């Protein structure tokens, strides 16, 4: 079965285990934008893993997709 890559996942991930960062990479998620309810520890793990593909996200943030 052919799967398309996921370009962006954003929103509140509601305190997932830190292992979700590696799972996102396995699923070939290109960019992430976790909000505050993801939790600081996991948000920082996403920031470290995704580097320039980590998007700081929250209420009022506008994200342009071109």
C-alpha atoms as a PDB file:
ATOM      1  CA  UNK A   1       0.000   0.000   0.000  1.00  0.00           C
ATOM      2  CA  UNK A   2       1.382   3.415  -0.991  1.00  0.00           C
ATOM      3  CA  UNK A   3       1.256   6.100   1.687  1.00  0.00           C
ATOM      4  CA  UNK A   4       1.618   9.801   1.139  1.00  0.00           C
ATOM      5  CA  UNK A   5       3.845  11.753   3.484  1.00  0.00           C
ATOM      6  CA  UNK A   6       2.244  13.933   6.129  1.00  0.00           C
ATOM      7  CA  UNK A   7       3.351  17.537   5.649  1.00  0.00           C
ATOM      8  CA  UNK A   8       2.272  19.078   8.974  1.00  0.00           C
ATOM      9  CA  UNK A   9       0.743  17.981  12.259  1.00  0.00           C
ATOM     10  CA  UNK A  10      -0.366  20.792  14.536  1.00  0.00           C
ATOM     11  CA  UNK A  11      -2.393  21.216  17.661  1.00  0.00           C
ATOM     12  CA  UNK A  12      -2.480  20.009  21.213  1.00  0.00           C
ATOM     13  CA  UNK A  13      -1.199  16.471  21.563  1.00  0.00           C
ATOM     14  CA  UNK A  14      -2.401  16.268  25.203  1.00  0.00           C
ATOM     15  CA  UNK A  15       0.731  15.081  27.026  1.00  0.00           C
ATOM     16  CA  UNK A  16       1.796  12.152  24.841  1.00  0.00           C
ATOM     17  CA  UNK A  17       4.768   9.948  25.722  1.00  0.00           C
ATOM     18  CA  UNK A  18       8.106  11.307  24.504  1.00  0.00           C
ATOM     19  CA  UNK A  19       8.346   8.281  22.186  1.00  0.00           C
ATOM     20  CA  UNK A  20       5.748   9.941  19.931  1.00  0.00           C
ATOM     21  CA  UNK A  21       8.535  12.155  18.547  1.00  0.00           C
ATOM     22  CA  UNK A  22      10.280   9.125  17.008  1.00  0.00           C
ATOM     23  CA  UNK A  23       6.923   7.752  15.832  1.00  0.00           C
ATOM     24  CA  UNK A  24       6.225  11.008  13.970  1.00  0.00           C
ATOM     25  CA  UNK A  25       9.626  10.680  12.261  1.00  0.00           C
ATOM     26  CA  UNK A  26       8.859   7.054  11.313  1.00  0.00           C
ATOM     27  CA  UNK A  27       5.598   8.249   9.754  1.00  0.00           C
ATOM     28  CA  UNK A  28       7.629  10.820   7.798  1.00  0.00           C
ATOM     29  CA  UNK A  29       5.822  13.808   9.283  1.00  0.00           C
ATOM     30  CA  UNK A  30       7.720  16.722   7.732  1.00  0.00           C
ATOM     31  CA  UNK A  31       6.766  19.563  10.108  1.00  0.00           C
ATOM     32  CA  UNK A  32       5.259  19.761  13.591  1.00  0.00           C
ATOM     33  CA  UNK A  33       3.557  22.544  15.493  1.00  0.00           C
ATOM     34  CA  UNK A  34       2.609  21.254  18.946  1.00  0.00           C
ATOM     35  CA  UNK A  35       0.703  23.647  21.198  1.00  0.00           C
ATOM     36  CA  UNK A  36       0.967  24.162  24.950  1.00  0.00           C
ATOM     37  CA  UNK A  37      -1.063  21.130  26.069  1.00  0.00           C
ATOM     38  CA  UNK A  38       1.517  18.856  24.460  1.00  0.00           C
ATOM     39  CA  UNK A  39       3.683  19.554  27.508  1.00  0.00           C
ATOM     40  CA  UNK A  40       7.036  21.312  27.768  1.00  0.00           C
ATOM     41  CA  UNK A  41       9.190  18.167  27.816  1.00  0.00           C
ATOM     42  CA  UNK A  42       7.692  16.722  24.634  1.00  0.00           C
ATOM     43  CA  UNK A  43       7.573  20.133  22.892  1.00  0.00           C
ATOM     44  CA  UNK A  44      11.304  20.519  23.516  1.00  0.00           C
ATOM     45  CA  UNK A  45      11.950  16.988  22.211  1.00  0.00           C
ATOM     46  CA  UNK A  46      10.049  17.909  19.023  1.00  0.00           C
ATOM     47  CA  UNK A  47      12.046  21.157  18.765  1.00  0.00           C
ATOM     48  CA  UNK A  48      15.345  19.266  19.086  1.00  0.00           C
ATOM     49  CA  UNK A  49      14.386  16.523  16.606  1.00  0.00           C
ATOM     50  CA  UNK A  50      12.671  18.705  13.989  1.00  0.00           C
ATOM     51  CA  UNK A  51      14.971  21.757  14.163  1.00  0.00           C
ATOM     52  CA  UNK A  52      13.876  24.181  11.380  1.00  0.00           C
ATOM     53  CA  UNK A  53      10.760  22.058  10.778  1.00  0.00           C
ATOM     54  CA  UNK A  54       9.470  22.788  14.297  1.00  0.00           C
ATOM     55  CA  UNK A  55       6.888  25.577  14.226  1.00  0.00           C
ATOM     56  CA  UNK A  56       6.225  27.612  17.365  1.00  0.00           C
ATOM     57  CA  UNK A  57       2.454  27.456  17.592  1.00  0.00           C
ATOM     58  CA  UNK A  58      -0.285  28.893  19.769  1.00  0.00           C
ATOM     59  CA  UNK A  59      -3.455  30.950  19.809  1.00  0.00           C
ATOM     60  CA  UNK A  60      -3.417  33.649  17.144  1.00  0.00           C
ATOM     61  CA  UNK A  61      -0.460  32.200  15.222  1.00  0.00           C
ATOM     62  CA  UNK A  62      -0.859  32.336  11.449  1.00  0.00           C
ATOM     63  CA  UNK A  63       0.859  29.582   9.490  1.00  0.00           C
ATOM     64  CA  UNK A  64       1.135  30.058   5.734  1.00  0.00           C
ATOM     65  CA  UNK A  65       1.411  26.919   3.621  1.00  0.00           C
ATOM     66  CA  UNK A  66       2.661  27.561   0.118  1.00  0.00           C
END
